[in-house]
Every structure is written in C-alpha cells, then in structure tokens.
Amino acid sequence: MCAKVARFYSWTHNDISELAYIDLLTYYKAIDNIEAQEMLIKMQISDYPQMKANSRSKMHRKLSQMANPIKFEEKVVTSEEMAKMLGASL
C-alpha cells in the first residue's frame, strides 16, 4: 500500500511516514477513483474529433470547471451589472 501511494503521489518514504494511518488509507482508497476519472476523460478526449459541436462545447466547459472550480459561477448578469463589472458608465 505504501509503495503504491508513494508512486502515485510522488511522495518519499519520509512523507508517508509522517501521515496518520487513517490519512494514508484515505489517500490509498482515492487512487482508484482518480485513475478511473482520468481514464474516462481520456476516453472522452479520444472521441472529441467525432463529437458534434454542442457535445464538444459541453465537454470543454465541464473539463474547464473541473480544472478551475472557483472561476465558474452560474449567474444571470444584467447589462447594467456587466457594465459595472467592466467599469463602464451608462
């Protein structure tokens, strides 16, 4: 278990020895989930050239949100609010 965690996260033996056992177990159990998510993304990317434009846009947005979760907020913005954000006066 320690070897797999060290290899996956690129940690040293000292890094792992400082972890509590419960934390080590949590990181170990997360490896399969992370690898499965990465495989699904790779499969989607391999299908990308054959996708319709709408599907490509959805996939790009989903991956962008995963990569930058804080930057994306679903909110309707009025013209006045947009002008304020941009520092323009109406």
N, C-alpha and C. Protein backbone atom coordinates (compact mmCIF):
# COMPACT_ATOMS: atom_id res chain seq x y z
N MET A 1 0.82 -1.18 0.00
CA MET A 1 0.00 0.00 0.00
C MET A 1 0.87 1.26 0.00
N CYS A 2 1.89 1.30 0.84
CA CYS A 2 2.75 2.48 0.92
C CYS A 2 3.46 2.74 -0.40
N ALA A 3 3.91 1.68 -1.05
CA ALA A 3 4.62 1.84 -2.32
C ALA A 3 3.70 2.43 -3.39
N LYS A 4 2.46 1.98 -3.44
CA LYS A 4 1.52 2.49 -4.43
C LYS A 4 1.21 3.96 -4.17
N VAL A 5 1.01 4.32 -2.92
CA VAL A 5 0.75 5.72 -2.56
C VAL A 5 1.96 6.59 -2.90
N ALA A 6 3.14 6.11 -2.57
CA ALA A 6 4.36 6.87 -2.86
C ALA A 6 4.52 7.09 -4.36
N ARG A 7 4.29 6.04 -5.14
CA ARG A 7 4.45 6.16 -6.59
C ARG A 7 3.39 7.08 -7.18
N PHE A 8 2.14 6.90 -6.78
CA PHE A 8 1.05 7.67 -7.37
C PHE A 8 1.17 9.16 -7.06
N TYR A 9 1.47 9.49 -5.81
CA TYR A 9 1.52 10.89 -5.40
C TYR A 9 2.93 11.48 -5.47
N SER A 10 3.90 10.68 -5.88
CA SER A 10 5.31 11.11 -5.96
C SER A 10 5.82 11.58 -4.59
N TRP A 11 5.52 10.81 -3.57
CA TRP A 11 5.95 11.12 -2.23
C TRP A 11 7.14 10.26 -1.85
N THR A 12 7.91 10.75 -0.90
CA THR A 12 9.04 9.98 -0.38
C THR A 12 8.57 9.14 0.82
N HIS A 13 9.45 8.26 1.26
CA HIS A 13 9.15 7.44 2.44
C HIS A 13 8.92 8.34 3.65
N ASN A 14 9.69 9.41 3.76
CA ASN A 14 9.52 10.33 4.89
C ASN A 14 8.15 11.01 4.85
N ASP A 15 7.70 11.38 3.65
CA ASP A 15 6.38 12.00 3.52
C ASP A 15 5.30 11.06 4.05
N ILE A 16 5.40 9.81 3.65
CA ILE A 16 4.38 8.82 4.04
C ILE A 16 4.47 8.50 5.52
N SER A 17 5.67 8.43 6.06
CA SER A 17 5.82 8.07 7.47
C SER A 17 5.25 9.15 8.40
N GLU A 18 5.11 10.37 7.90
CA GLU A 18 4.54 11.45 8.71
C GLU A 18 3.01 11.44 8.73
N LEU A 19 2.39 10.66 7.83
CA LEU A 19 0.93 10.60 7.77
C LEU A 19 0.37 9.68 8.84
N ALA A 20 -0.79 10.04 9.34
CA ALA A 20 -1.52 9.13 10.21
C ALA A 20 -2.04 7.99 9.34
N TYR A 21 -2.21 6.81 9.93
CA TYR A 21 -2.65 5.65 9.15
C TYR A 21 -3.97 5.90 8.44
N ILE A 22 -4.91 6.56 9.13
CA ILE A 22 -6.22 6.82 8.53
C ILE A 22 -6.09 7.72 7.30
N ASP A 23 -5.16 8.69 7.36
CA ASP A 23 -4.93 9.56 6.21
C ASP A 23 -4.30 8.79 5.06
N LEU A 24 -3.35 7.93 5.38
CA LEU A 24 -2.71 7.10 4.36
C LEU A 24 -3.76 6.22 3.67
N LEU A 25 -4.64 5.65 4.46
CA LEU A 25 -5.70 4.81 3.91
C LEU A 25 -6.65 5.61 3.01
N THR A 26 -6.95 6.83 3.41
CA THR A 26 -7.81 7.70 2.60
C THR A 26 -7.16 7.99 1.26
N TYR A 27 -5.89 8.35 1.27
CA TYR A 27 -5.17 8.60 0.02
C TYR A 27 -5.11 7.34 -0.85
N TYR A 28 -4.89 6.21 -0.21
CA TYR A 28 -4.82 4.94 -0.94
C TYR A 28 -6.14 4.63 -1.64
N LYS A 29 -7.24 4.79 -0.90
CA LYS A 29 -8.56 4.49 -1.47
C LYS A 29 -8.93 5.46 -2.59
N ALA A 30 -8.40 6.66 -2.57
CA ALA A 30 -8.72 7.66 -3.59
C ALA A 30 -8.03 7.37 -4.93
N ILE A 31 -6.97 6.59 -4.91
CA ILE A 31 -6.20 6.33 -6.14
C ILE A 31 -7.07 5.72 -7.23
N ASP A 32 -7.84 4.69 -6.92
CA ASP A 32 -8.68 4.04 -7.93
C ASP A 32 -9.70 5.01 -8.52
N ASN A 33 -10.29 5.85 -7.66
CA ASN A 33 -11.26 6.84 -8.15
C ASN A 33 -10.59 7.83 -9.10
N ILE A 34 -9.44 8.32 -8.72
CA ILE A 34 -8.73 9.29 -9.54
C ILE A 34 -8.33 8.67 -10.87
N GLU A 35 -7.81 7.45 -10.83
CA GLU A 35 -7.42 6.78 -12.07
C GLU A 35 -8.62 6.53 -12.98
N ALA A 36 -9.77 6.18 -12.41
CA ALA A 36 -10.97 5.95 -13.20
C ALA A 36 -11.44 7.26 -13.85
N GLN A 37 -11.41 8.35 -13.10
CA GLN A 37 -11.79 9.64 -13.66
C GLN A 37 -10.86 10.04 -14.80
N GLU A 38 -9.57 9.83 -14.62
CA GLU A 38 -8.61 10.16 -15.68
C GLU A 38 -8.85 9.31 -16.92
N MET A 39 -9.19 8.04 -16.73
CA MET A 39 -9.46 7.16 -17.87
C MET A 39 -10.70 7.62 -18.62
N LEU A 40 -11.75 8.00 -17.89
CA LEU A 40 -12.96 8.49 -18.55
C LEU A 40 -12.68 9.76 -19.35
N ILE A 41 -11.88 10.64 -18.80
CA ILE A 41 -11.53 11.86 -19.52
C ILE A 41 -10.73 11.53 -20.77
N LYS A 42 -9.81 10.60 -20.68
CA LYS A 42 -9.03 10.20 -21.86
C LYS A 42 -9.93 9.59 -22.93
N MET A 43 -10.93 8.82 -22.51
CA MET A 43 -11.86 8.24 -23.47
C MET A 43 -12.68 9.33 -24.15
N GLN A 44 -13.11 10.32 -23.39
CA GLN A 44 -13.87 11.43 -23.97
C GLN A 44 -12.99 12.21 -24.95
N ILE A 45 -11.75 12.43 -24.60
CA ILE A 45 -10.84 13.17 -25.46
C ILE A 45 -10.60 12.42 -26.76
N SER A 46 -10.49 11.10 -26.68
CA SER A 46 -10.27 10.33 -27.91
C SER A 46 -11.49 10.39 -28.83
N ASP A 47 -12.68 10.60 -28.27
CA ASP A 47 -13.90 10.74 -29.06
C ASP A 47 -14.11 12.17 -29.56
N TYR A 48 -13.32 13.11 -29.06
CA TYR A 48 -13.51 14.54 -29.34
C TYR A 48 -13.63 14.87 -30.82
N PRO A 49 -12.77 14.36 -31.70
CA PRO A 49 -12.88 14.72 -33.12
C PRO A 49 -14.20 14.28 -33.76
N GLN A 50 -14.82 13.24 -33.25
CA GLN A 50 -16.07 12.75 -33.83
C GLN A 50 -17.32 13.38 -33.19
N MET A 51 -17.13 14.16 -32.15
CA MET A 51 -18.27 14.75 -31.45
C MET A 51 -18.87 15.90 -32.25
N LYS A 52 -20.16 16.12 -32.01
CA LYS A 52 -20.83 17.29 -32.58
C LYS A 52 -20.38 18.52 -31.80
N ALA A 53 -20.52 19.68 -32.41
CA ALA A 53 -20.06 20.93 -31.79
C ALA A 53 -20.66 21.14 -30.40
N ASN A 54 -21.93 20.85 -30.23
CA ASN A 54 -22.59 21.03 -28.94
C ASN A 54 -21.97 20.13 -27.88
N SER A 55 -21.71 18.89 -28.23
CA SER A 55 -21.10 17.95 -27.28
C SER A 55 -19.68 18.37 -26.93
N ARG A 56 -18.94 18.87 -27.92
CA ARG A 56 -17.58 19.34 -27.66
C ARG A 56 -17.60 20.52 -26.69
N SER A 57 -18.54 21.44 -26.89
CA SER A 57 -18.64 22.60 -26.01
C SER A 57 -18.96 22.18 -24.58
N LYS A 58 -19.89 21.25 -24.43
CA LYS A 58 -20.25 20.76 -23.09
C LYS A 58 -19.05 20.11 -22.41
N MET A 59 -18.33 19.28 -23.17
CA MET A 59 -17.17 18.60 -22.60
C MET A 59 -16.09 19.61 -22.21
N HIS A 60 -15.84 20.59 -23.07
CA HIS A 60 -14.82 21.60 -22.77
C HIS A 60 -15.20 22.38 -21.52
N ARG A 61 -16.46 22.76 -21.41
CA ARG A 61 -16.91 23.50 -20.23
C ARG A 61 -16.78 22.65 -18.97
N LYS A 62 -17.17 21.40 -19.05
CA LYS A 62 -17.08 20.51 -17.89
C LYS A 62 -15.63 20.36 -17.43
N LEU A 63 -14.72 20.13 -18.36
CA LEU A 63 -13.31 19.99 -18.01
C LEU A 63 -12.75 21.30 -17.47
N SER A 64 -13.17 22.42 -18.04
CA SER A 64 -12.71 23.72 -17.55
C SER A 64 -13.19 23.97 -16.13
N GLN A 65 -14.43 23.58 -15.84
CA GLN A 65 -14.96 23.73 -14.49
C GLN A 65 -14.22 22.84 -13.51
N MET A 66 -13.88 21.64 -13.95
CA MET A 66 -13.13 20.73 -13.07
C MET A 66 -11.74 21.29 -12.79
N ALA A 67 -11.13 21.89 -13.80
CA ALA A 67 -9.78 22.43 -13.64
C ALA A 67 -9.77 23.72 -12.84
N ASN A 68 -10.82 24.52 -12.96
CA ASN A 68 -10.90 25.82 -12.30
C ASN A 68 -12.25 25.99 -11.62
N PRO A 69 -12.53 25.25 -10.56
CA PRO A 69 -13.87 25.26 -9.97
C PRO A 69 -14.31 26.60 -9.40
N ILE A 70 -13.40 27.42 -8.97
CA ILE A 70 -13.76 28.68 -8.34
C ILE A 70 -14.16 29.73 -9.38
N LYS A 71 -13.63 29.63 -10.58
CA LYS A 71 -13.87 30.65 -11.60
C LYS A 71 -15.28 30.60 -12.19
N PHE A 72 -15.96 29.49 -12.08
CA PHE A 72 -17.25 29.32 -12.72
C PHE A 72 -18.39 29.44 -11.72
N GLU A 73 -19.26 30.41 -11.98
CA GLU A 73 -20.47 30.56 -11.18
C GLU A 73 -21.64 30.71 -12.15
N GLU A 74 -22.69 29.98 -11.91
CA GLU A 74 -23.88 30.09 -12.73
C GLU A 74 -24.71 31.25 -12.20
N LYS A 75 -24.71 32.37 -12.93
CA LYS A 75 -25.45 33.53 -12.50
C LYS A 75 -25.82 34.34 -13.73
N VAL A 76 -27.07 34.76 -13.79
CA VAL A 76 -27.51 35.63 -14.87
C VAL A 76 -27.10 37.05 -14.51
N VAL A 77 -26.43 37.72 -15.44
CA VAL A 77 -25.94 39.07 -15.20
C VAL A 77 -26.66 40.02 -16.15
N THR A 78 -27.18 41.11 -15.59
CA THR A 78 -27.85 42.11 -16.43
C THR A 78 -26.82 42.98 -17.12
N SER A 79 -27.26 43.74 -18.10
CA SER A 79 -26.36 44.65 -18.82
C SER A 79 -25.76 45.68 -17.87
N GLU A 80 -26.56 46.18 -16.96
CA GLU A 80 -26.08 47.17 -16.00
C GLU A 80 -25.00 46.58 -15.09
N GLU A 81 -25.23 45.36 -14.62
CA GLU A 81 -24.23 44.70 -13.77
C GLU A 81 -22.94 44.45 -14.53
N MET A 82 -23.06 44.05 -15.79
CA MET A 82 -21.89 43.82 -16.61
C MET A 82 -21.11 45.12 -16.81
N ALA A 83 -21.82 46.20 -17.05
CA ALA A 83 -21.16 47.49 -17.23
C ALA A 83 -20.41 47.89 -15.96
N LYS A 84 -21.02 47.66 -14.79
CA LYS A 84 -20.35 47.97 -13.53
C LYS A 84 -19.09 47.13 -13.37
N MET A 85 -19.18 45.84 -13.71
CA MET A 85 -18.02 44.95 -13.59
C MET A 85 -16.88 45.41 -14.47
N LEU A 86 -17.24 45.94 -15.63
CA LEU A 86 -16.22 46.38 -16.59
C LEU A 86 -15.79 47.83 -16.35
N GLY A 87 -16.42 48.50 -15.39
CA GLY A 87 -16.04 49.87 -15.06
C GLY A 87 -16.59 50.90 -16.02
N ALA A 88 -17.59 50.53 -16.79
CA ALA A 88 -18.18 51.47 -17.75
C ALA A 88 -19.37 52.17 -17.11
N SER A 89 -19.64 53.36 -17.59
CA SER A 89 -20.83 54.07 -17.11
C SER A 89 -21.84 54.14 -18.25
N LEU A 90 -23.11 53.99 -17.91
CA LEU A 90 -24.17 54.02 -18.93
C LEU A 90 -24.77 55.38 -19.08
